[in-house]
Amino acid sequence: MELLPKLEAADRPLPLYRLLDRIADEALDAKYRDALCVQVLPFMHSRLIPNLSAKPFYLMSDEELREVEAAELEHEKQLRKGRGHLHLIKEPR
């Protein structure tokens, strides 16, 4: 926490701000700016924990467990549409 004000006070932009400036610079290649956007995402948007549930699995009823499994399978199907090379969950046979 103490480091950030010192860096800003030294008339040097913080690294995140430098990246944001480069993203806004339309003179740079669009693919390069897109790659910078990907690098900045974790600092701009919080990441959800995919396996976070309202209650632990051992406290869920059988019906709740089936709903969670169905949601995970649907999520996997959606992932495959956009990223066919990823297979996070094996489908039941």
PDB file of N, CA and C in Angstrom:
ATOM      1  N   MET A   1       0.814  -1.191   0.000  1.00  0.00           N
ATOM      2  CA  MET A   1       0.000   0.000   0.000  1.00  0.00           C
ATOM      3  C   MET A   1       0.858   1.256   0.000  1.00  0.00           C
ATOM      4  N   GLU A   2       1.975   1.222   0.698  1.00  0.00           N
ATOM      5  CA  GLU A   2       2.819   2.410   0.769  1.00  0.00           C
ATOM      6  C   GLU A   2       3.603   2.641  -0.520  1.00  0.00           C
ATOM      7  N   LEU A   3       3.819   1.599  -1.289  1.00  0.00           N
ATOM      8  CA  LEU A   3       4.622   1.694  -2.493  1.00  0.00           C
ATOM      9  C   LEU A   3       3.924   2.486  -3.597  1.00  0.00           C
ATOM     10  N   LEU A   4       2.610   2.312  -3.759  1.00  0.00           N
ATOM     11  CA  LEU A   4       1.897   2.980  -4.845  1.00  0.00           C
ATOM     12  C   LEU A   4       1.980   4.498  -4.781  1.00  0.00           C
ATOM     13  N   PRO A   5       1.721   5.119  -3.637  1.00  0.00           N
ATOM     14  CA  PRO A   5       1.857   6.589  -3.604  1.00  0.00           C
ATOM     15  C   PRO A   5       3.281   7.052  -3.908  1.00  0.00           C
ATOM     16  N   LYS A   6       4.280   6.293  -3.490  1.00  0.00           N
ATOM     17  CA  LYS A   6       5.669   6.669  -3.767  1.00  0.00           C
ATOM     18  C   LYS A   6       5.956   6.605  -5.256  1.00  0.00           C
ATOM     19  N   LEU A   7       5.448   5.583  -5.917  1.00  0.00           N
ATOM     20  CA  LEU A   7       5.663   5.468  -7.362  1.00  0.00           C
ATOM     21  C   LEU A   7       4.976   6.599  -8.110  1.00  0.00           C
ATOM     22  N   GLU A   8       3.757   6.921  -7.713  1.00  0.00           N
ATOM     23  CA  GLU A   8       3.043   8.011  -8.377  1.00  0.00           C
ATOM     24  C   GLU A   8       3.705   9.353  -8.088  1.00  0.00           C
ATOM     25  N   ALA A   9       4.204   9.524  -6.904  1.00  0.00           N
ATOM     26  CA  ALA A   9       4.833  10.787  -6.536  1.00  0.00           C
ATOM     27  C   ALA A   9       6.137  11.011  -7.287  1.00  0.00           C
ATOM     28  N   ALA A  10       6.735   9.965  -7.777  1.00  0.00           N
ATOM     29  CA  ALA A  10       8.008  10.088  -8.478  1.00  0.00           C
ATOM     30  C   ALA A  10       7.814  10.462  -9.953  1.00  0.00           C
ATOM     31  N   ASP A  11       6.643  10.940 -10.311  1.00  0.00           N
ATOM     32  CA  ASP A  11       6.322  11.333 -11.692  1.00  0.00           C
ATOM     33  C   ASP A  11       6.497  10.185 -12.676  1.00  0.00           C
ATOM     34  N   ARG A  12       6.260   8.995 -12.208  1.00  0.00           N
ATOM     35  CA  ARG A  12       6.276   7.829 -13.095  1.00  0.00           C
ATOM     36  C   ARG A  12       4.887   7.214 -13.060  1.00  0.00           C
ATOM     37  N   PRO A  13       4.312   6.967 -14.218  1.00  0.00           N
ATOM     38  CA  PRO A  13       2.987   6.337 -14.201  1.00  0.00           C
ATOM     39  C   PRO A  13       3.094   4.891 -13.711  1.00  0.00           C
ATOM     40  N   LEU A  14       2.075   4.463 -13.020  1.00  0.00           N
ATOM     41  CA  LEU A  14       2.042   3.072 -12.579  1.00  0.00           C
ATOM     42  C   LEU A  14       1.969   2.153 -13.802  1.00  0.00           C
ATOM     43  N   PRO A  15       2.497   0.945 -13.707  1.00  0.00           N
ATOM     44  CA  PRO A  15       2.493   0.035 -14.863  1.00  0.00           C
ATOM     45  C   PRO A  15       1.108  -0.172 -15.461  1.00  0.00           C
ATOM     46  N   LEU A  16       0.093  -0.290 -14.641  1.00  0.00           N
ATOM     47  CA  LEU A  16      -1.261  -0.472 -15.157  1.00  0.00           C
ATOM     48  C   LEU A  16      -1.677   0.724 -15.998  1.00  0.00           C
ATOM     49  N   TYR A  17      -1.367   1.919 -15.523  1.00  0.00           N
ATOM     50  CA  TYR A  17      -1.734   3.123 -16.271  1.00  0.00           C
ATOM     51  C   TYR A  17      -0.958   3.214 -17.588  1.00  0.00           C
ATOM     52  N   ARG A  18       0.288   2.769 -17.581  1.00  0.00           N
ATOM     53  CA  ARG A  18       1.067   2.744 -18.833  1.00  0.00           C
ATOM     54  C   ARG A  18       0.408   1.814 -19.842  1.00  0.00           C
ATOM     55  N   LEU A  19      -0.021   0.643 -19.376  1.00  0.00           N
ATOM     56  CA  LEU A  19      -0.689  -0.300 -20.275  1.00  0.00           C
ATOM     57  C   LEU A  19      -1.992   0.286 -20.807  1.00  0.00           C
ATOM     58  N   LEU A  20      -2.747   0.932 -19.941  1.00  0.00           N
ATOM     59  CA  LEU A  20      -4.009   1.533 -20.386  1.00  0.00           C
ATOM     60  C   LEU A  20      -3.767   2.634 -21.420  1.00  0.00           C
ATOM     61  N   ASP A  21      -2.708   3.399 -21.241  1.00  0.00           N
ATOM     62  CA  ASP A  21      -2.356   4.421 -22.231  1.00  0.00           C
ATOM     63  C   ASP A  21      -2.006   3.780 -23.572  1.00  0.00           C
ATOM     64  N   ARG A  22      -1.276   2.680 -23.537  1.00  0.00           N
ATOM     65  CA  ARG A  22      -0.894   1.996 -24.780  1.00  0.00           C
ATOM     66  C   ARG A  22      -2.112   1.396 -25.469  1.00  0.00           C
ATOM     67  N   ILE A  23      -3.063   0.884 -24.672  1.00  0.00           N
ATOM     68  CA  ILE A  23      -4.295   0.338 -25.244  1.00  0.00           C
ATOM     69  C   ILE A  23      -5.070   1.424 -25.971  1.00  0.00           C
ATOM     70  N   ALA A  24      -5.056   2.628 -25.437  1.00  0.00           N
ATOM     71  CA  ALA A  24      -5.788   3.742 -26.042  1.00  0.00           C
ATOM     72  C   ALA A  24      -5.073   4.338 -27.254  1.00  0.00           C
ATOM     73  N   ASP A  25      -3.806   4.012 -27.450  1.00  0.00           N
ATOM     74  CA  ASP A  25      -3.014   4.576 -28.545  1.00  0.00           C
ATOM     75  C   ASP A  25      -3.358   3.876 -29.856  1.00  0.00           C
ATOM     76  N   GLU A  26      -4.163   4.535 -30.680  1.00  0.00           N
ATOM     77  CA  GLU A  26      -4.611   3.925 -31.937  1.00  0.00           C
ATOM     78  C   GLU A  26      -3.509   3.847 -32.981  1.00  0.00           C
ATOM     79  N   ALA A  27      -2.361   4.443 -32.727  1.00  0.00           N
ATOM     80  CA  ALA A  27      -1.239   4.341 -33.657  1.00  0.00           C
ATOM     81  C   ALA A  27      -0.586   2.961 -33.568  1.00  0.00           C
ATOM     82  N   LEU A  28      -0.835   2.238 -32.476  1.00  0.00           N
ATOM     83  CA  LEU A  28      -0.268   0.898 -32.305  1.00  0.00           C
ATOM     84  C   LEU A  28      -1.144  -0.135 -32.998  1.00  0.00           C
ATOM     85  N   ASP A  29      -0.554  -1.265 -33.329  1.00  0.00           N
ATOM     86  CA  ASP A  29      -1.251  -2.353 -33.999  1.00  0.00           C
ATOM     87  C   ASP A  29      -2.427  -2.846 -33.141  1.00  0.00           C
ATOM     88  N   ALA A  30      -3.569  -3.098 -33.770  1.00  0.00           N
ATOM     89  CA  ALA A  30      -4.776  -3.516 -33.053  1.00  0.00           C
ATOM     90  C   ALA A  30      -4.575  -4.850 -32.332  1.00  0.00           C
ATOM     91  N   LYS A  31      -3.857  -5.785 -32.946  1.00  0.00           N
ATOM     92  CA  LYS A  31      -3.619  -7.083 -32.299  1.00  0.00           C
ATOM     93  C   LYS A  31      -2.761  -6.915 -31.048  1.00  0.00           C
ATOM     94  N   TYR A  32      -1.808  -6.036 -31.120  1.00  0.00           N
ATOM     95  CA  TYR A  32      -0.958  -5.757 -29.962  1.00  0.00           C
ATOM     96  C   TYR A  32      -1.792  -5.155 -28.835  1.00  0.00           C
ATOM     97  N   ARG A  33      -2.671  -4.199 -29.178  1.00  0.00           N
ATOM     98  CA  ARG A  33      -3.518  -3.579 -28.166  1.00  0.00           C
ATOM     99  C   ARG A  33      -4.491  -4.599 -27.566  1.00  0.00           C
ATOM    100  N   ASP A  34      -4.982  -5.530 -28.396  1.00  0.00           N
ATOM    101  CA  ASP A  34      -5.849  -6.588 -27.876  1.00  0.00           C
ATOM    102  C   ASP A  34      -5.088  -7.474 -26.892  1.00  0.00           C
ATOM    103  N   ALA A  35      -3.849  -7.779 -27.208  1.00  0.00           N
ATOM    104  CA  ALA A  35      -3.036  -8.589 -26.298  1.00  0.00           C
ATOM    105  C   ALA A  35      -2.818  -7.864 -24.976  1.00  0.00           C
ATOM    106  N   LEU A  36      -2.645  -6.555 -25.037  1.00  0.00           N
ATOM    107  CA  LEU A  36      -2.515  -5.780 -23.808  1.00  0.00           C
ATOM    108  C   LEU A  36      -3.808  -5.822 -22.998  1.00  0.00           C
ATOM    109  N   CYS A  37      -4.944  -5.771 -23.685  1.00  0.00           N
ATOM    110  CA  CYS A  37      -6.237  -5.849 -22.989  1.00  0.00           C
ATOM    111  C   CYS A  37      -6.345  -7.148 -22.200  1.00  0.00           C
ATOM    112  N   VAL A  38      -5.893  -8.233 -22.796  1.00  0.00           N
ATOM    113  CA  VAL A  38      -5.942  -9.524 -22.111  1.00  0.00           C
ATOM    114  C   VAL A  38      -5.080  -9.484 -20.852  1.00  0.00           C
ATOM    115  N   GLN A  39      -3.927  -8.834 -20.944  1.00  0.00           N
ATOM    116  CA  GLN A  39      -3.035  -8.755 -19.794  1.00  0.00           C
ATOM    117  C   GLN A  39      -3.604  -7.887 -18.674  1.00  0.00           C
ATOM    118  N   VAL A  40      -4.401  -6.902 -19.029  1.00  0.00           N
ATOM    119  CA  VAL A  40      -4.948  -5.957 -18.050  1.00  0.00           C
ATOM    120  C   VAL A  40      -6.218  -6.500 -17.386  1.00  0.00           C
ATOM    121  N   LEU A  41      -6.915  -7.430 -18.038  1.00  0.00           N
ATOM    122  CA  LEU A  41      -8.197  -7.921 -17.530  1.00  0.00           C
ATOM    123  C   LEU A  41      -8.184  -8.311 -16.056  1.00  0.00           C
ATOM    124  N   PRO A  42      -7.215  -9.096 -15.577  1.00  0.00           N
ATOM    125  CA  PRO A  42      -7.263  -9.489 -14.164  1.00  0.00           C
ATOM    126  C   PRO A  42      -7.217  -8.309 -13.191  1.00  0.00           C
ATOM    127  N   PHE A  43      -6.692  -7.195 -13.623  1.00  0.00           N
ATOM    128  CA  PHE A  43      -6.589  -6.035 -12.749  1.00  0.00           C
ATOM    129  C   PHE A  43      -7.826  -5.142 -12.822  1.00  0.00           C
ATOM    130  N   MET A  44      -8.627  -5.329 -13.858  1.00  0.00           N
ATOM    131  CA  MET A  44      -9.798  -4.489 -14.061  1.00  0.00           C
ATOM    132  C   MET A  44     -11.099  -5.172 -13.640  1.00  0.00           C
ATOM    133  N   HIS A  45     -11.129  -6.497 -13.693  1.00  0.00           N
ATOM    134  CA  HIS A  45     -12.350  -7.241 -13.393  1.00  0.00           C
ATOM    135  C   HIS A  45     -12.018  -8.386 -12.445  1.00  0.00           C
ATOM    136  N   SER A  46     -12.821  -8.527 -11.407  1.00  0.00           N
ATOM    137  CA  SER A  46     -12.583  -9.625 -10.483  1.00  0.00           C
ATOM    138  C   SER A  46     -12.932 -10.943 -11.166  1.00  0.00           C
ATOM    139  N   ARG A  47     -12.308 -11.991 -10.716  1.00  0.00           N
ATOM    140  CA  ARG A  47     -12.521 -13.303 -11.312  1.00  0.00           C
ATOM    141  C   ARG A  47     -13.374 -14.140 -10.369  1.00  0.00           C
ATOM    142  N   LEU A  48     -14.404 -14.750 -10.932  1.00  0.00           N
ATOM    143  CA  LEU A  48     -15.252 -15.607 -10.133  1.00  0.00           C
ATOM    144  C   LEU A  48     -14.571 -16.948  -9.921  1.00  0.00           C
ATOM    145  N   ILE A  49     -14.797 -17.520  -8.768  1.00  0.00           N
ATOM    146  CA  ILE A  49     -14.266 -18.848  -8.489  1.00  0.00           C
ATOM    147  C   ILE A  49     -15.282 -19.848  -9.011  1.00  0.00           C
ATOM    148  N   PRO A  50     -14.926 -20.665 -10.011  1.00  0.00           N
ATOM    149  CA  PRO A  50     -15.923 -21.504 -10.677  1.00  0.00           C
ATOM    150  C   PRO A  50     -16.556 -22.571  -9.785  1.00  0.00           C
ATOM    151  N   ASN A  51     -15.853 -23.062  -8.794  1.00  0.00           N
ATOM    152  CA  ASN A  51     -16.417 -24.137  -7.984  1.00  0.00           C
ATOM    153  C   ASN A  51     -16.987 -23.634  -6.659  1.00  0.00           C
ATOM    154  N   LEU A  52     -17.184 -22.330  -6.541  1.00  0.00           N
ATOM    155  CA  LEU A  52     -17.742 -21.762  -5.331  1.00  0.00           C
ATOM    156  C   LEU A  52     -19.245 -22.033  -5.307  1.00  0.00           C
ATOM    157  N   SER A  53     -19.725 -22.643  -4.248  1.00  0.00           N
ATOM    158  CA  SER A  53     -21.147 -22.918  -4.143  1.00  0.00           C
ATOM    159  C   SER A  53     -21.687 -22.284  -2.863  1.00  0.00           C
ATOM    160  N   ALA A  54     -23.009 -22.192  -2.790  1.00  0.00           N
ATOM    161  CA  ALA A  54     -23.634 -21.576  -1.640  1.00  0.00           C
ATOM    162  C   ALA A  54     -23.403 -22.395  -0.377  1.00  0.00           C
ATOM    163  N   LYS A  55     -23.286 -23.687  -0.542  1.00  0.00           N
ATOM    164  CA  LYS A  55     -22.995 -24.541   0.604  1.00  0.00           C
ATOM    165  C   LYS A  55     -22.122 -25.692   0.138  1.00  0.00           C
ATOM    166  N   PRO A  56     -21.404 -26.315   1.036  1.00  0.00           N
ATOM    167  CA  PRO A  56     -20.514 -27.404   0.639  1.00  0.00           C
ATOM    168  C   PRO A  56     -21.300 -28.591   0.071  1.00  0.00           C
ATOM    169  N   PHE A  57     -20.649 -29.338  -0.798  1.00  0.00           N
ATOM    170  CA  PHE A  57     -21.304 -30.463  -1.455  1.00  0.00           C
ATOM    171  C   PHE A  57     -21.843 -31.477  -0.450  1.00  0.00           C
ATOM    172  N   TYR A  58     -21.130 -31.697   0.647  1.00  0.00           N
ATOM    173  CA  TYR A  58     -21.573 -32.718   1.601  1.00  0.00           C
ATOM    174  C   TYR A  58     -22.857 -32.322   2.331  1.00  0.00           C
ATOM    175  N   LEU A  59     -23.254 -31.048   2.245  1.00  0.00           N
ATOM    176  CA  LEU A  59     -24.507 -30.612   2.852  1.00  0.00           C
ATOM    177  C   LEU A  59     -25.660 -30.542   1.853  1.00  0.00           C
ATOM    178  N   MET A  60     -25.378 -30.806   0.578  1.00  0.00           N
ATOM    179  CA  MET A  60     -26.406 -30.710  -0.453  1.00  0.00           C
ATOM    180  C   MET A  60     -27.238 -31.988  -0.522  1.00  0.00           C
ATOM    181  N   SER A  61     -28.499 -31.795  -0.888  1.00  0.00           N
ATOM    182  CA  SER A  61     -29.373 -32.943  -1.108  1.00  0.00           C
ATOM    183  C   SER A  61     -29.006 -33.581  -2.447  1.00  0.00           C
ATOM    184  N   ASP A  62     -29.542 -34.768  -2.687  1.00  0.00           N
ATOM    185  CA  ASP A  62     -29.277 -35.442  -3.964  1.00  0.00           C
ATOM    186  C   ASP A  62     -29.758 -34.594  -5.134  1.00  0.00           C
ATOM    187  N   GLU A  63     -30.914 -33.942  -4.979  1.00  0.00           N
ATOM    188  CA  GLU A  63     -31.453 -33.097  -6.041  1.00  0.00           C
ATOM    189  C   GLU A  63     -30.519 -31.909  -6.311  1.00  0.00           C
ATOM    190  N   GLU A  64     -30.012 -31.285  -5.268  1.00  0.00           N
ATOM    191  CA  GLU A  64     -29.092 -30.154  -5.441  1.00  0.00           C
ATOM    192  C   GLU A  64     -27.808 -30.606  -6.131  1.00  0.00           C
ATOM    193  N   LEU A  65     -27.311 -31.779  -5.770  1.00  0.00           N
ATOM    194  CA  LEU A  65     -26.107 -32.298  -6.424  1.00  0.00           C
ATOM    195  C   LEU A  65     -26.353 -32.546  -7.900  1.00  0.00           C
ATOM    196  N   ARG A  66     -27.536 -33.074  -8.247  1.00  0.00           N
ATOM    197  CA  ARG A  66     -27.872 -33.295  -9.664  1.00  0.00           C
ATOM    198  C   ARG A  66     -27.930 -31.964 -10.416  1.00  0.00           C
ATOM    199  N   GLU A  67     -28.488 -30.938  -9.764  1.00  0.00           N
ATOM    200  CA  GLU A  67     -28.560 -29.616 -10.398  1.00  0.00           C
ATOM    201  C   GLU A  67     -27.170 -29.045 -10.638  1.00  0.00           C
ATOM    202  N   VAL A  68     -26.281 -29.196  -9.672  1.00  0.00           N
ATOM    203  CA  VAL A  68     -24.908 -28.710  -9.827  1.00  0.00           C
ATOM    204  C   VAL A  68     -24.215 -29.454 -10.967  1.00  0.00           C
ATOM    205  N   GLU A  69     -24.382 -30.762 -11.012  1.00  0.00           N
ATOM    206  CA  GLU A  69     -23.755 -31.551 -12.083  1.00  0.00           C
ATOM    207  C   GLU A  69     -24.292 -31.134 -13.447  1.00  0.00           C
ATOM    208  N   ALA A  70     -25.610 -30.933 -13.541  1.00  0.00           N
ATOM    209  CA  ALA A  70     -26.210 -30.500 -14.805  1.00  0.00           C
ATOM    210  C   ALA A  70     -25.676 -29.130 -15.221  1.00  0.00           C
ATOM    211  N   ALA A  71     -25.523 -28.226 -14.256  1.00  0.00           N
ATOM    212  CA  ALA A  71     -24.992 -26.891 -14.564  1.00  0.00           C
ATOM    213  C   ALA A  71     -23.542 -26.978 -15.037  1.00  0.00           C
ATOM    214  N   GLU A  72     -22.753 -27.847 -14.414  1.00  0.00           N
ATOM    215  CA  GLU A  72     -21.354 -28.011 -14.823  1.00  0.00           C
ATOM    216  C   GLU A  72     -21.263 -28.577 -16.239  1.00  0.00           C
ATOM    217  N   LEU A  73     -22.126 -29.552 -16.550  1.00  0.00           N
ATOM    218  CA  LEU A  73     -22.124 -30.125 -17.902  1.00  0.00           C
ATOM    219  C   LEU A  73     -22.562 -29.093 -18.941  1.00  0.00           C
ATOM    220  N   GLU A  74     -23.563 -28.300 -18.613  1.00  0.00           N
ATOM    221  CA  GLU A  74     -23.999 -27.253 -19.535  1.00  0.00           C
ATOM    222  C   GLU A  74     -22.890 -26.227 -19.749  1.00  0.00           C
ATOM    223  N   HIS A  75     -22.189 -25.889 -18.685  1.00  0.00           N
ATOM    224  CA  HIS A  75     -21.062 -24.958 -18.801  1.00  0.00           C
ATOM    225  C   HIS A  75     -19.986 -25.545 -19.722  1.00  0.00           C
ATOM    226  N   GLU A  76     -19.712 -26.818 -19.565  1.00  0.00           N
ATOM    227  CA  GLU A  76     -18.720 -27.485 -20.420  1.00  0.00           C
ATOM    228  C   GLU A  76     -19.158 -27.445 -21.882  1.00  0.00           C
ATOM    229  N   LYS A  77     -20.421 -27.671 -22.142  1.00  0.00           N
ATOM    230  CA  LYS A  77     -20.922 -27.625 -23.527  1.00  0.00           C
ATOM    231  C   LYS A  77     -20.742 -26.226 -24.111  1.00  0.00           C
ATOM    232  N   GLN A  78     -21.026 -25.204 -23.304  1.00  0.00           N
ATOM    233  CA  GLN A  78     -20.853 -23.835 -23.778  1.00  0.00           C
ATOM    234  C   GLN A  78     -19.389 -23.522 -24.054  1.00  0.00           C
ATOM    235  N   LEU A  79     -18.503 -24.036 -23.212  1.00  0.00           N
ATOM    236  CA  LEU A  79     -17.068 -23.836 -23.438  1.00  0.00           C
ATOM    237  C   LEU A  79     -16.627 -24.475 -24.744  1.00  0.00           C
ATOM    238  N   ARG A  80     -17.131 -25.665 -25.008  1.00  0.00           N
ATOM    239  CA  ARG A  80     -16.749 -26.375 -26.238  1.00  0.00           C
ATOM    240  C   ARG A  80     -17.173 -25.622 -27.482  1.00  0.00           C
ATOM    241  N   LYS A  81     -18.276 -24.897 -27.406  1.00  0.00           N
ATOM    242  CA  LYS A  81     -18.719 -24.116 -28.564  1.00  0.00           C
ATOM    243  C   LYS A  81     -17.674 -23.065 -28.931  1.00  0.00           C
ATOM    244  N   GLY A  82     -17.109 -22.435 -27.906  1.00  0.00           N
ATOM    245  CA  GLY A  82     -16.139 -21.371 -28.167  1.00  0.00           C
ATOM    246  C   GLY A  82     -14.710 -21.848 -28.184  1.00  0.00           C
ATOM    247  N   ARG A  83     -14.424 -22.893 -27.422  1.00  0.00           N
ATOM    248  CA  ARG A  83     -13.051 -23.393 -27.315  1.00  0.00           C
ATOM    249  C   ARG A  83     -13.090 -24.912 -27.358  1.00  0.00           C
ATOM    250  N   GLY A  84     -13.237 -25.454 -28.555  1.00  0.00           N
ATOM    251  CA  GLY A  84     -13.407 -26.883 -28.723  1.00  0.00           C
ATOM    252  C   GLY A  84     -12.254 -27.728 -28.229  1.00  0.00           C
ATOM    253  N   HIS A  85     -11.087 -27.153 -28.059  1.00  0.00           N
ATOM    254  CA  HIS A  85      -9.935 -27.935 -27.629  1.00  0.00           C
ATOM    255  C   HIS A  85      -9.912 -28.160 -26.118  1.00  0.00           C
ATOM    256  N   LEU A  86     -10.786 -27.447 -25.368  1.00  0.00           N
ATOM    257  CA  LEU A  86     -10.816 -27.613 -23.921  1.00  0.00           C
ATOM    258  C   LEU A  86     -11.887 -28.618 -23.523  1.00  0.00           C
ATOM    259  N   HIS A  87     -11.538 -29.546 -22.665  1.00  0.00           N
ATOM    260  CA  HIS A  87     -12.491 -30.518 -22.146  1.00  0.00           C
ATOM    261  C   HIS A  87     -12.269 -30.623 -20.647  1.00  0.00           C
ATOM    262  N   LEU A  88     -13.052 -29.881 -19.906  1.00  0.00           N
ATOM    263  CA  LEU A  88     -12.851 -29.817 -18.468  1.00  0.00           C
ATOM    264  C   LEU A  88     -13.521 -30.957 -17.730  1.00  0.00           C
ATOM    265  N   ILE A  89     -14.681 -31.393 -18.223  1.00  0.00           N
ATOM    266  CA  ILE A  89     -15.445 -32.435 -17.546  1.00  0.00           C
ATOM    267  C   ILE A  89     -15.780 -33.508 -18.572  1.00  0.00           C
ATOM    268  N   LYS A  90     -15.547 -34.757 -18.220  1.00  0.00           N
ATOM    269  CA  LYS A  90     -15.898 -35.852 -19.113  1.00  0.00           C
ATOM    270  C   LYS A  90     -17.412 -36.075 -19.034  1.00  0.00           C
ATOM    271  N   GLU A  91     -18.039 -36.176 -20.207  1.00  0.00           N
ATOM    272  CA  GLU A  91     -19.471 -36.419 -20.231  1.00  0.00           C
ATOM    273  C   GLU A  91     -19.761 -37.873 -19.865  1.00  0.00           C
ATOM    274  N   PRO A  92     -20.881 -38.115 -19.157  1.00  0.00           N
ATOM    275  CA  PRO A  92     -21.214 -39.496 -18.819  1.00  0.00           C
ATOM    276  C   PRO A  92     -21.542 -40.291 -20.078  1.00  0.00           C
ATOM    277  N   ARG A  93     -21.231 -41.547 -20.063  1.00  0.00           N
ATOM    278  CA  ARG A  93     -21.482 -42.377 -21.256  1.00  0.00           C
ATOM    279  C   ARG A  93     -22.817 -43.049 -21.208  1.00  0.00           C
TER     280      ARG A  93
END
